[in-house]
Amino acid sequence: MSARSLKPYVWLSIAAALATIALKAVAWLLTDSVGLLSDALESVVNLAAACMALAMLSIAERPEDKGHGFGHGKAEYFSSGFEGLLIVFAAIAIAVAAGERLLNPRPLEAVGVGLAVSASAALINLLVGRVLLLAGRRHRSITLEADAHHLLSDVWTSLGVIVGVGAVALTGWLWLDPILALLVASNIIWTGWRLLRRSANGLMDASLPPGEQAQIVKVLESYRCQGIDYHALRSRAAGARSFISLHVLVPGAWTVSRAHQLVEGIESELRRELPQATVFIHIEPLEDPASHQDLGLDR
């Protein structure tokens, strides 16, 4: 886990959520637009998700202990999963409000001022979302990345709502407002689904992404020239930390010291490629037929 706490980034997200809720609520009250209401509801989800993220990061940053020998990193997946569920519930609420407005259309008011206020909220989300995304990638935090993607998708939602509400004001087509809200609901459901899927993959110990797997294989292949082989390569992630395990097959005549030095070099290179990786290597004799059958998870 990164030595630097990531919680200040979450406090930034909470502050942004509070500001955008206030601005979007004002925009909705000024215009009575169900599209702007849907945008405000998504910011409420942002706030709830950020509070959950703060709680889960506090747990994830705890060091390993007797009861959790591999650390607490998986707590981050609960945060992103919770955010995904909140997004889906918000989309349902938006769809219900849009359906009612589609059946009972009402004219919009003070559109110009309302859209200007909403645009200010979108700018806040854009700036904070970029900060969180860069921090999430730098520190390998799914919590920060999930929050960032949600904020950035909120920006696109806001832009769509602003354009749509402006079109309603220009054309007088009141049905555009609820239709726009339904499109917003569809978009954020897709965002929520992606977060839920990624969280489930993390909790189910899915392998590292293909790019990181390729980095691991590149390091291992570079050692074949020393007369060794490897197999049973496995990987998984737990929040910001990665876990890699494999078997390294060395000539049976090698001393324990030589095999150990080789393994130390492999582990060092793997950690250089993936800085927050924990590597487990099992050494086997290359000539023993049993070594080449020892591939399964239940060895």
C-alpha atoms as a PDB file:
ATOM      1  CA  MET A   1       0.000   0.000   0.000  1.00  0.00           C
ATOM      2  CA  SER A   2       1.198   3.454  -0.794  1.00  0.00           C
ATOM      3  CA  ALA A   3       2.792   5.153   2.192  1.00  0.00           C
ATOM      4  CA  ARG A   4       0.903   8.317   1.372  1.00  0.00           C
ATOM      5  CA  SER A   5      -2.705   8.389   2.504  1.00  0.00           C
ATOM      6  CA  LEU A   6      -5.246   8.830  -0.283  1.00  0.00           C
ATOM      7  CA  LYS A   7      -7.945  10.203   2.016  1.00  0.00           C
ATOM      8  CA  PRO A   8      -7.238  13.891   1.186  1.00  0.00           C
ATOM      9  CA  TYR A   9      -8.340  13.133  -2.376  1.00  0.00           C
ATOM     10  CA  VAL A  10     -11.611  11.743  -1.068  1.00  0.00           C
ATOM     11  CA  TRP A  11     -12.173  14.851   1.058  1.00  0.00           C
ATOM     12  CA  LEU A  12     -11.715  16.842  -2.155  1.00  0.00           C
ATOM     13  CA  SER A  13     -14.377  14.671  -3.796  1.00  0.00           C
ATOM     14  CA  ILE A  14     -16.746  15.235  -0.855  1.00  0.00           C
ATOM     15  CA  ALA A  15     -16.249  19.002  -1.069  1.00  0.00           C
ATOM     16  CA  ALA A  16     -16.906  18.905  -4.820  1.00  0.00           C
ATOM     17  CA  ALA A  17     -20.064  16.847  -4.310  1.00  0.00           C
ATOM     18  CA  LEU A  18     -21.431  19.290  -1.720  1.00  0.00           C
ATOM     19  CA  ALA A  19     -20.723  22.250  -3.995  1.00  0.00           C
ATOM     20  CA  THR A  20     -22.273  20.656  -7.078  1.00  0.00           C
ATOM     21  CA  ILE A  21     -25.350  19.479  -5.181  1.00  0.00           C
ATOM     22  CA  ALA A  22     -25.977  23.044  -4.040  1.00  0.00           C
ATOM     23  CA  LEU A  23     -25.434  24.498  -7.523  1.00  0.00           C
ATOM     24  CA  LYS A  24     -27.506  21.881  -9.347  1.00  0.00           C
ATOM     25  CA  ALA A  25     -30.321  22.121  -6.815  1.00  0.00           C
ATOM     26  CA  VAL A  26     -30.451  25.882  -7.436  1.00  0.00           C
ATOM     27  CA  ALA A  27     -30.487  25.250 -11.202  1.00  0.00           C
ATOM     28  CA  TRP A  28     -33.365  22.775 -10.844  1.00  0.00           C
ATOM     29  CA  LEU A  29     -35.381  25.089  -8.577  1.00  0.00           C
ATOM     30  CA  LEU A  30     -34.916  27.978 -11.015  1.00  0.00           C
ATOM     31  CA  THR A  31     -35.941  26.011 -14.118  1.00  0.00           C
ATOM     32  CA  ASP A  32     -38.177  23.189 -12.817  1.00  0.00           C
ATOM     33  CA  SER A  33     -36.402  20.941 -15.342  1.00  0.00           C
ATOM     34  CA  VAL A  34     -36.538  17.206 -14.672  1.00  0.00           C
ATOM     35  CA  GLY A  35     -33.311  16.928 -16.694  1.00  0.00           C
ATOM     36  CA  LEU A  36     -31.533  19.205 -14.245  1.00  0.00           C
ATOM     37  CA  LEU A  37     -33.171  17.315 -11.372  1.00  0.00           C
ATOM     38  CA  SER A  38     -31.624  14.095 -12.704  1.00  0.00           C
ATOM     39  CA  ASP A  39     -28.254  15.822 -12.837  1.00  0.00           C
ATOM     40  CA  ALA A  40     -28.628  16.935  -9.202  1.00  0.00           C
ATOM     41  CA  LEU A  41     -29.578  13.427  -8.080  1.00  0.00           C
ATOM     42  CA  GLU A  42     -26.393  12.056  -9.619  1.00  0.00           C
ATOM     43  CA  SER A  43     -24.371  14.495  -7.506  1.00  0.00           C
ATOM     44  CA  VAL A  44     -26.166  13.219  -4.394  1.00  0.00           C
ATOM     45  CA  VAL A  45     -24.913   9.769  -5.398  1.00  0.00           C
ATOM     46  CA  ASN A  46     -21.412  11.245  -5.741  1.00  0.00           C
ATOM     47  CA  LEU A  47     -21.583  12.475  -2.157  1.00  0.00           C
ATOM     48  CA  ALA A  48     -22.779   9.159  -0.739  1.00  0.00           C
ATOM     49  CA  ALA A  49     -20.146   7.280  -2.745  1.00  0.00           C
ATOM     50  CA  ALA A  50     -17.372   9.618  -1.582  1.00  0.00           C
ATOM     51  CA  CYS A  51     -18.359   9.089   2.061  1.00  0.00           C
ATOM     52  CA  MET A  52     -18.252   5.323   1.515  1.00  0.00           C
ATOM     53  CA  ALA A  53     -14.887   5.685  -0.228  1.00  0.00           C
ATOM     54  CA  LEU A  54     -13.493   7.551   2.771  1.00  0.00           C
ATOM     55  CA  ALA A  55     -14.559   4.764   5.120  1.00  0.00           C
ATOM     56  CA  MET A  56     -13.179   1.988   2.896  1.00  0.00           C
ATOM     57  CA  LEU A  57      -9.866   3.739   2.215  1.00  0.00           C
ATOM     58  CA  SER A  58      -9.410   4.113   5.966  1.00  0.00           C
ATOM     59  CA  ILE A  59      -9.674   0.326   6.215  1.00  0.00           C
ATOM     60  CA  ALA A  60      -7.629  -0.416   3.067  1.00  0.00           C
ATOM     61  CA  GLU A  61      -4.694   1.666   4.312  1.00  0.00           C
ATOM     62  CA  ARG A  62      -4.324  -0.353   7.501  1.00  0.00           C
ATOM     63  CA  PRO A  63      -1.176  -2.507   7.570  1.00  0.00           C
ATOM     64  CA  GLU A  64      -1.399  -6.290   7.593  1.00  0.00           C
ATOM     65  CA  ASP A  65      -2.131  -7.891  10.964  1.00  0.00           C
ATOM     66  CA  LYS A  66      -2.521 -11.374  12.438  1.00  0.00           C
ATOM     67  CA  GLY A  67      -6.069 -11.682  11.170  1.00  0.00           C
ATOM     68  CA  HIS A  68      -5.349 -10.185   7.729  1.00  0.00           C
ATOM     69  CA  GLY A  69      -1.935 -11.388   6.630  1.00  0.00           C
ATOM     70  CA  PHE A  70      -2.397 -10.065   3.077  1.00  0.00           C
ATOM     71  CA  GLY A  71      -3.511  -6.602   4.196  1.00  0.00           C
ATOM     72  CA  HIS A  72      -6.893  -4.900   3.855  1.00  0.00           C
ATOM     73  CA  GLY A  73      -6.683  -3.713   0.242  1.00  0.00           C
ATOM     74  CA  LYS A  74      -9.838  -5.482  -0.912  1.00  0.00           C
ATOM     75  CA  ALA A  75     -11.916  -3.062   1.136  1.00  0.00           C
ATOM     76  CA  GLU A  76     -11.645  -0.744  -1.875  1.00  0.00           C
ATOM     77  CA  TYR A  77     -13.807  -3.105  -3.939  1.00  0.00           C
ATOM     78  CA  PHE A  78     -16.667  -2.697  -1.467  1.00  0.00           C
ATOM     79  CA  SER A  79     -16.488   1.055  -2.026  1.00  0.00           C
ATOM     80  CA  SER A  80     -16.598   0.856  -5.833  1.00  0.00           C
ATOM     81  CA  GLY A  81     -19.336  -1.795  -5.694  1.00  0.00           C
ATOM     82  CA  PHE A  82     -21.393   0.381  -3.363  1.00  0.00           C
ATOM     83  CA  GLU A  83     -20.958   3.306  -5.722  1.00  0.00           C
ATOM     84  CA  GLY A  84     -22.125   1.152  -8.622  1.00  0.00           C
ATOM     85  CA  LEU A  85     -25.285   0.189  -6.750  1.00  0.00           C
ATOM     86  CA  LEU A  86     -25.992   3.809  -5.819  1.00  0.00           C
ATOM     87  CA  ILE A  87     -25.658   4.824  -9.461  1.00  0.00           C
ATOM     88  CA  VAL A  88     -28.206   2.197 -10.515  1.00  0.00           C
ATOM     89  CA  PHE A  89     -30.682   3.310  -7.820  1.00  0.00           C
ATOM     90  CA  ALA A  90     -30.248   6.944  -8.865  1.00  0.00           C
ATOM     91  CA  ALA A  91     -30.942   5.996 -12.476  1.00  0.00           C
ATOM     92  CA  ILE A  92     -34.183   4.308 -11.442  1.00  0.00           C
ATOM     93  CA  ALA A  93     -35.261   7.412  -9.507  1.00  0.00           C
ATOM     94  CA  ILE A  94     -34.439   9.606 -12.503  1.00  0.00           C
ATOM     95  CA  ALA A  95     -36.416   7.338 -14.849  1.00  0.00           C
ATOM     96  CA  VAL A  96     -39.466   7.486 -12.567  1.00  0.00           C
ATOM     97  CA  ALA A  97     -39.352  11.300 -12.408  1.00  0.00           C
ATOM     98  CA  ALA A  98     -38.859  11.503 -16.178  1.00  0.00           C
ATOM     99  CA  GLY A  99     -41.791   9.197 -16.832  1.00  0.00           C
ATOM    100  CA  GLU A 100     -44.092  11.351 -14.717  1.00  0.00           C
ATOM    101  CA  ARG A 101     -42.928  14.525 -16.510  1.00  0.00           C
ATOM    102  CA  LEU A 102     -43.375  12.866 -19.898  1.00  0.00           C
ATOM    103  CA  LEU A 103     -47.014  12.226 -19.038  1.00  0.00           C
ATOM    104  CA  ASN A 104     -47.498  15.677 -17.484  1.00  0.00           C
ATOM    105  CA  PRO A 105     -45.174  18.165 -19.254  1.00  0.00           C
ATOM    106  CA  ARG A 106     -44.592  21.594 -17.698  1.00  0.00           C
ATOM    107  CA  PRO A 107     -42.908  24.700 -19.148  1.00  0.00           C
ATOM    108  CA  LEU A 108     -39.403  25.616 -17.996  1.00  0.00           C
ATOM    109  CA  GLU A 109     -38.488  28.878 -16.256  1.00  0.00           C
ATOM    110  CA  ALA A 110     -35.348  31.048 -15.910  1.00  0.00           C
ATOM    111  CA  VAL A 111     -33.487  28.725 -18.262  1.00  0.00           C
ATOM    112  CA  GLY A 112     -30.491  31.008 -18.878  1.00  0.00           C
ATOM    113  CA  VAL A 113     -29.567  31.489 -15.228  1.00  0.00           C
ATOM    114  CA  GLY A 114     -30.251  27.845 -14.403  1.00  0.00           C
ATOM    115  CA  LEU A 115     -27.974  26.582 -17.160  1.00  0.00           C
ATOM    116  CA  ALA A 116     -25.170  28.950 -16.129  1.00  0.00           C
ATOM    117  CA  VAL A 117     -25.335  27.601 -12.570  1.00  0.00           C
ATOM    118  CA  SER A 118     -25.339  24.017 -13.862  1.00  0.00           C
ATOM    119  CA  ALA A 119     -22.330  24.746 -16.091  1.00  0.00           C
ATOM    120  CA  SER A 120     -20.398  25.985 -13.023  1.00  0.00           C
ATOM    121  CA  ALA A 121     -21.103  22.680 -11.286  1.00  0.00           C
ATOM    122  CA  ALA A 122     -19.901  20.740 -14.347  1.00  0.00           C
ATOM    123  CA  LEU A 123     -16.622  22.670 -14.344  1.00  0.00           C
ATOM    124  CA  ILE A 124     -16.018  21.761 -10.692  1.00  0.00           C
ATOM    125  CA  ASN A 125     -16.614  18.075 -11.464  1.00  0.00           C
ATOM    126  CA  LEU A 126     -14.288  18.217 -14.466  1.00  0.00           C
ATOM    127  CA  LEU A 127     -11.388  19.653 -12.474  1.00  0.00           C
ATOM    128  CA  VAL A 128     -11.819  17.373  -9.458  1.00  0.00           C
ATOM    129  CA  GLY A 129     -12.420  14.319 -11.667  1.00  0.00           C
ATOM    130  CA  ARG A 130      -9.133  14.850 -13.489  1.00  0.00           C
ATOM    131  CA  VAL A 131      -7.245  15.207 -10.193  1.00  0.00           C
ATOM    132  CA  LEU A 132      -8.773  11.979  -8.830  1.00  0.00           C
ATOM    133  CA  LEU A 133      -8.161  10.040 -12.049  1.00  0.00           C
ATOM    134  CA  LEU A 134      -4.464  10.930 -12.138  1.00  0.00           C
ATOM    135  CA  ALA A 135      -4.093  10.118  -8.436  1.00  0.00           C
ATOM    136  CA  GLY A 136      -5.991   6.832  -8.811  1.00  0.00           C
ATOM    137  CA  ARG A 137      -3.755   5.661 -11.667  1.00  0.00           C
ATOM    138  CA  ARG A 138      -0.590   6.793  -9.926  1.00  0.00           C
ATOM    139  CA  HIS A 139      -1.472   5.002  -6.681  1.00  0.00           C
ATOM    140  CA  ARG A 140      -3.368   2.067  -8.291  1.00  0.00           C
ATOM    141  CA  SER A 141      -6.519   2.870  -6.308  1.00  0.00           C
ATOM    142  CA  ILE A 142      -9.769   1.497  -7.761  1.00  0.00           C
ATOM    143  CA  THR A 143     -11.673   3.675  -5.278  1.00  0.00           C
ATOM    144  CA  LEU A 144     -10.217   6.926  -6.610  1.00  0.00           C
ATOM    145  CA  GLU A 145     -10.533   5.749 -10.211  1.00  0.00           C
ATOM    146  CA  ALA A 146     -14.181   4.797  -9.695  1.00  0.00           C
ATOM    147  CA  ASP A 147     -14.919   8.164  -8.121  1.00  0.00           C
ATOM    148  CA  ALA A 148     -13.073   9.952 -10.930  1.00  0.00           C
ATOM    149  CA  HIS A 149     -14.908   8.115 -13.707  1.00  0.00           C
ATOM    150  CA  HIS A 150     -18.199   8.866 -12.006  1.00  0.00           C
ATOM    151  CA  LEU A 151     -17.391  12.574 -11.775  1.00  0.00           C
ATOM    152  CA  LEU A 152     -16.220  12.720 -15.384  1.00  0.00           C
ATOM    153  CA  SER A 153     -19.318  10.870 -16.608  1.00  0.00           C
ATOM    154  CA  ASP A 154     -21.302  13.395 -14.577  1.00  0.00           C
ATOM    155  CA  VAL A 155     -19.636  16.154 -16.611  1.00  0.00           C
ATOM    156  CA  TRP A 156     -20.846  14.621 -19.868  1.00  0.00           C
ATOM    157  CA  THR A 157     -24.276  14.149 -18.328  1.00  0.00           C
ATOM    158  CA  SER A 158     -24.366  17.809 -17.325  1.00  0.00           C
ATOM    159  CA  LEU A 159     -23.295  18.946 -20.789  1.00  0.00           C
ATOM    160  CA  GLY A 160     -26.011  16.809 -22.362  1.00  0.00           C
ATOM    161  CA  VAL A 161     -28.606  18.199 -19.982  1.00  0.00           C
ATOM    162  CA  ILE A 162     -27.486  21.780 -20.613  1.00  0.00           C
ATOM    163  CA  VAL A 163     -27.745  21.314 -24.391  1.00  0.00           C
ATOM    164  CA  GLY A 164     -31.090  19.545 -24.070  1.00  0.00           C
ATOM    165  CA  VAL A 165     -32.677  22.095 -21.750  1.00  0.00           C
ATOM    166  CA  GLY A 166     -31.396  24.855 -23.995  1.00  0.00           C
ATOM    167  CA  ALA A 167     -33.061  23.102 -26.937  1.00  0.00           C
ATOM    168  CA  VAL A 168     -36.338  22.920 -25.005  1.00  0.00           C
ATOM    169  CA  ALA A 169     -36.181  26.669 -24.350  1.00  0.00           C
ATOM    170  CA  LEU A 170     -35.503  27.396 -28.030  1.00  0.00           C
ATOM    171  CA  THR A 171     -38.033  25.023 -29.584  1.00  0.00           C
ATOM    172  CA  GLY A 172     -40.730  24.814 -26.936  1.00  0.00           C
ATOM    173  CA  TRP A 173     -40.738  21.011 -27.256  1.00  0.00           C
ATOM    174  CA  LEU A 174     -41.405  20.135 -23.596  1.00  0.00           C
ATOM    175  CA  TRP A 175     -41.122  16.397 -24.234  1.00  0.00           C
ATOM    176  CA  LEU A 176     -37.369  16.824 -24.843  1.00  0.00           C
ATOM    177  CA  ASP A 177     -36.759  17.459 -21.131  1.00  0.00           C
ATOM    178  CA  PRO A 178     -37.995  14.063 -19.813  1.00  0.00           C
ATOM    179  CA  ILE A 179     -36.519  12.225 -22.814  1.00  0.00           C
ATOM    180  CA  LEU A 180     -33.169  13.778 -21.954  1.00  0.00           C
ATOM    181  CA  ALA A 181     -33.538  12.642 -18.350  1.00  0.00           C
ATOM    182  CA  LEU A 182     -34.184   9.071 -19.540  1.00  0.00           C
ATOM    183  CA  LEU A 183     -31.014   9.202 -21.648  1.00  0.00           C
ATOM    184  CA  VAL A 184     -29.113  10.380 -18.563  1.00  0.00           C
ATOM    185  CA  ALA A 185     -30.533   7.448 -16.605  1.00  0.00           C
ATOM    186  CA  SER A 186     -29.390   5.002 -19.312  1.00  0.00           C
ATOM    187  CA  ASN A 187     -25.885   6.454 -19.331  1.00  0.00           C
ATOM    188  CA  ILE A 188     -25.358   6.271 -15.579  1.00  0.00           C
ATOM    189  CA  ILE A 189     -26.758   2.723 -15.434  1.00  0.00           C
ATOM    190  CA  TRP A 190     -23.955   1.746 -17.847  1.00  0.00           C
ATOM    191  CA  THR A 191     -21.421   3.466 -15.581  1.00  0.00           C
ATOM    192  CA  GLY A 192     -22.823   1.649 -12.552  1.00  0.00           C
ATOM    193  CA  TRP A 193     -22.687  -1.705 -14.328  1.00  0.00           C
ATOM    194  CA  ARG A 194     -19.019  -1.252 -15.213  1.00  0.00           C
ATOM    195  CA  LEU A 195     -18.162  -0.406 -11.599  1.00  0.00           C
ATOM    196  CA  LEU A 196     -20.062  -3.434 -10.298  1.00  0.00           C
ATOM    197  CA  ARG A 197     -18.342  -5.733 -12.788  1.00  0.00           C
ATOM    198  CA  ARG A 198     -14.873  -4.445 -11.907  1.00  0.00           C
ATOM    199  CA  SER A 199     -15.572  -4.753  -8.176  1.00  0.00           C
ATOM    200  CA  ALA A 200     -16.833  -8.316  -8.625  1.00  0.00           C
ATOM    201  CA  ASN A 201     -13.695  -9.224 -10.599  1.00  0.00           C
ATOM    202  CA  GLY A 202     -11.522  -7.905  -7.782  1.00  0.00           C
ATOM    203  CA  LEU A 203     -13.417  -9.800  -5.107  1.00  0.00           C
ATOM    204  CA  MET A 204     -13.290 -12.959  -7.249  1.00  0.00           C
ATOM    205  CA  ASP A 205      -9.480 -12.718  -7.579  1.00  0.00           C
ATOM    206  CA  ALA A 206      -9.431 -12.035 -11.313  1.00  0.00           C
ATOM    207  CA  SER A 207      -5.971 -11.992 -12.915  1.00  0.00           C
ATOM    208  CA  LEU A 208      -4.082  -8.746 -13.422  1.00  0.00           C
ATOM    209  CA  PRO A 209      -4.882  -6.796 -16.627  1.00  0.00           C
ATOM    210  CA  PRO A 210      -3.285  -8.121 -19.867  1.00  0.00           C
ATOM    211  CA  GLY A 211      -0.754  -5.282 -19.962  1.00  0.00           C
ATOM    212  CA  GLU A 212       0.587  -6.120 -16.514  1.00  0.00           C
ATOM    213  CA  GLN A 213       0.540  -9.841 -17.291  1.00  0.00           C
ATOM    214  CA  ALA A 214       2.702  -9.101 -20.338  1.00  0.00           C
ATOM    215  CA  GLN A 215       5.192  -7.209 -18.148  1.00  0.00           C
ATOM    216  CA  ILE A 216       5.480 -10.232 -15.850  1.00  0.00           C
ATOM    217  CA  VAL A 217       6.034 -12.654 -18.738  1.00  0.00           C
ATOM    218  CA  LYS A 218       8.646 -10.362 -20.310  1.00  0.00           C
ATOM    219  CA  VAL A 219      10.690 -10.434 -17.093  1.00  0.00           C
ATOM    220  CA  LEU A 220      10.403 -14.208 -16.731  1.00  0.00           C
ATOM    221  CA  GLU A 221      11.297 -14.906 -20.368  1.00  0.00           C
ATOM    222  CA  SER A 222      14.501 -12.931 -19.983  1.00  0.00           C
ATOM    223  CA  TYR A 223      15.754 -15.552 -17.488  1.00  0.00           C
ATOM    224  CA  ARG A 224      15.319 -18.588 -19.737  1.00  0.00           C
ATOM    225  CA  CYS A 225      18.841 -18.033 -21.140  1.00  0.00           C
ATOM    226  CA  GLN A 226      20.176 -19.040 -17.709  1.00  0.00           C
ATOM    227  CA  GLY A 227      18.867 -22.579 -18.206  1.00  0.00           C
ATOM    228  CA  ILE A 228      15.711 -22.227 -16.098  1.00  0.00           C
ATOM    229  CA  ASP A 229      12.007 -22.605 -16.804  1.00  0.00           C
ATOM    230  CA  TYR A 230       8.808 -21.472 -15.100  1.00  0.00           C
ATOM    231  CA  HIS A 231       5.118 -22.344 -14.985  1.00  0.00           C
ATOM    232  CA  ALA A 232       1.980 -22.145 -12.811  1.00  0.00           C
ATOM    233  CA  LEU A 233       1.992 -18.357 -13.134  1.00  0.00           C
ATOM    234  CA  ARG A 234      -0.911 -16.753 -11.287  1.00  0.00           C
ATOM    235  CA  SER A 235      -1.756 -13.180 -10.373  1.00  0.00           C
ATOM    236  CA  ARG A 236      -4.457 -11.198  -8.641  1.00  0.00           C
ATOM    237  CA  ALA A 237      -5.039  -7.732  -7.239  1.00  0.00           C
ATOM    238  CA  ALA A 238      -6.283  -6.530  -3.869  1.00  0.00           C
ATOM    239  CA  GLY A 239      -6.909  -2.828  -4.212  1.00  0.00           C
ATOM    240  CA  ALA A 240      -3.583  -1.137  -4.889  1.00  0.00           C
ATOM    241  CA  ARG A 241      -1.495  -4.252  -4.201  1.00  0.00           C
ATOM    242  CA  SER A 242      -0.765  -7.058  -6.680  1.00  0.00           C
ATOM    243  CA  PHE A 243       0.047 -10.663  -5.831  1.00  0.00           C
ATOM    244  CA  ILE A 244       2.097 -12.872  -8.177  1.00  0.00           C
ATOM    245  CA  SER A 245       2.912 -16.542  -7.668  1.00  0.00           C
ATOM    246  CA  LEU A 246       4.782 -19.011  -9.890  1.00  0.00           C
ATOM    247  CA  HIS A 247       7.072 -22.038  -9.920  1.00  0.00           C
ATOM    248  CA  VAL A 248      10.664 -21.625 -11.107  1.00  0.00           C
ATOM    249  CA  LEU A 249      12.408 -24.784 -12.346  1.00  0.00           C
ATOM    250  CA  VAL A 250      16.207 -24.806 -11.932  1.00  0.00           C
ATOM    251  CA  PRO A 251      18.839 -27.496 -12.641  1.00  0.00           C
ATOM    252  CA  GLY A 252      18.864 -30.017  -9.822  1.00  0.00           C
ATOM    253  CA  ALA A 253      22.623 -29.656  -9.413  1.00  0.00           C
ATOM    254  CA  TRP A 254      22.299 -26.014  -8.384  1.00  0.00           C
ATOM    255  CA  THR A 255      22.975 -25.151  -4.754  1.00  0.00           C
ATOM    256  CA  VAL A 256      20.217 -23.683  -2.615  1.00  0.00           C
ATOM    257  CA  SER A 257      22.219 -20.450  -2.474  1.00  0.00           C
ATOM    258  CA  ARG A 258      22.400 -20.115  -6.268  1.00  0.00           C
ATOM    259  CA  ALA A 259      18.694 -20.835  -6.713  1.00  0.00           C
ATOM    260  CA  HIS A 260      17.900 -18.329  -3.990  1.00  0.00           C
ATOM    261  CA  GLN A 261      19.995 -15.622  -5.656  1.00  0.00           C
ATOM    262  CA  LEU A 262      18.180 -16.255  -8.954  1.00  0.00           C
ATOM    263  CA  VAL A 263      14.783 -15.977  -7.323  1.00  0.00           C
ATOM    264  CA  GLU A 264      15.796 -12.788  -5.526  1.00  0.00           C
ATOM    265  CA  GLY A 265      16.739 -11.282  -8.886  1.00  0.00           C
ATOM    266  CA  ILE A 266      13.417 -12.303 -10.462  1.00  0.00           C
ATOM    267  CA  GLU A 267      11.423 -10.888  -7.560  1.00  0.00           C
ATOM    268  CA  SER A 268      13.388  -7.636  -7.659  1.00  0.00           C
ATOM    269  CA  GLU A 269      12.733  -7.154 -11.379  1.00  0.00           C
ATOM    270  CA  LEU A 270       9.039  -7.961 -11.031  1.00  0.00           C
ATOM    271  CA  ARG A 271       8.688  -5.430  -8.228  1.00  0.00           C
ATOM    272  CA  ARG A 272      10.495  -2.876 -10.371  1.00  0.00           C
ATOM    273  CA  GLU A 273       7.904  -3.401 -13.124  1.00  0.00           C
ATOM    274  CA  LEU A 274       4.969  -3.559 -10.677  1.00  0.00           C
ATOM    275  CA  PRO A 275       6.067  -1.553  -7.606  1.00  0.00           C
ATOM    276  CA  GLN A 276       3.294  -2.698  -5.277  1.00  0.00           C
ATOM    277  CA  ALA A 277       3.552  -6.386  -6.087  1.00  0.00           C
ATOM    278  CA  THR A 278       4.095  -9.190  -3.598  1.00  0.00           C
ATOM    279  CA  VAL A 279       5.831 -12.151  -5.287  1.00  0.00           C
ATOM    280  CA  PHE A 280       5.760 -15.808  -4.190  1.00  0.00           C
ATOM    281  CA  ILE A 281       8.129 -18.216  -5.992  1.00  0.00           C
ATOM    282  CA  HIS A 282       8.320 -21.985  -5.475  1.00  0.00           C
ATOM    283  CA  ILE A 283      11.574 -23.611  -6.649  1.00  0.00           C
ATOM    284  CA  GLU A 284      11.524 -27.065  -8.287  1.00  0.00           C
ATOM    285  CA  PRO A 285      14.198 -29.294  -9.924  1.00  0.00           C
ATOM    286  CA  LEU A 286      14.094 -28.991 -13.715  1.00  0.00           C
ATOM    287  CA  GLU A 287      14.866 -32.682 -14.373  1.00  0.00           C
ATOM    288  CA  ASP A 288      12.167 -34.146 -12.082  1.00  0.00           C
ATOM    289  CA  PRO A 289       9.054 -35.229 -14.099  1.00  0.00           C
ATOM    290  CA  ALA A 290       6.885 -34.467 -11.071  1.00  0.00           C
ATOM    291  CA  SER A 291       7.900 -30.800 -11.340  1.00  0.00           C
ATOM    292  CA  HIS A 292       6.246 -30.532 -14.744  1.00  0.00           C
ATOM    293  CA  GLN A 293       2.993 -32.023 -13.441  1.00  0.00           C
ATOM    294  CA  ASP A 294       2.796 -29.672 -10.464  1.00  0.00           C
ATOM    295  CA  LEU A 295       0.619 -27.054 -12.148  1.00  0.00           C
ATOM    296  CA  GLY A 296      -2.787 -27.043 -10.450  1.00  0.00           C
ATOM    297  CA  LEU A 297      -4.076 -24.727  -7.772  1.00  0.00           C
ATOM    298  CA  ASP A 298      -4.497 -27.695  -5.427  1.00  0.00           C
ATOM    299  CA  ARG A 299      -0.938 -28.922  -5.677  1.00  0.00           C
END
